[in-house]
Amino acid sequence: QVQLVESGGGLVQAGGSLTLSCAASGRTFSDYAMGWFRQAPGKEREFVAAISWGGERTHYADSVEGRFTISRDNAKNTVYLRMRSLKPEDTAAYYCAADPTVYYRDNFIRSHASYWGQGTQVTVSS
């Protein structure tokens, strides 16, 4: 089992920045590709960003490309999501997830993962 705990959410004005963290425990963190997802009220959960086991490869949804940056620190068992130029449409509950397979990108794009965190709320005011 992998336990994931997100933090760093909050209320921010449009154009502002926020960094989310996701702390992992329970298994070897570097064995897992990590992803961030979000779910707005009344909408399905959607893929936001993914990062490979060692951090060499990153992937982003078109809606956040150039504004969000995913990174990880395997020594701290933590994955981050740096969000800049936030828009009201970025308002959602944000979740991190873990996937140990080489198919993590395809899985994440379909919002599939082996383990999920409980989420942290991000609200962007206009």
Foldseek 3Di string as FASTA:
>chain_A
DKAKAKDWADEAAAQAKTKMKIAIDDDQLLLWKKFKWWDAPPGDIAGAKIAHSVRPDMDGDPVQPPFWDWGDDSVRRMIMIIGGNDDQVVWTWMKMAIANDPCVVVCVRVPHGDDIYPTDTHGYHD
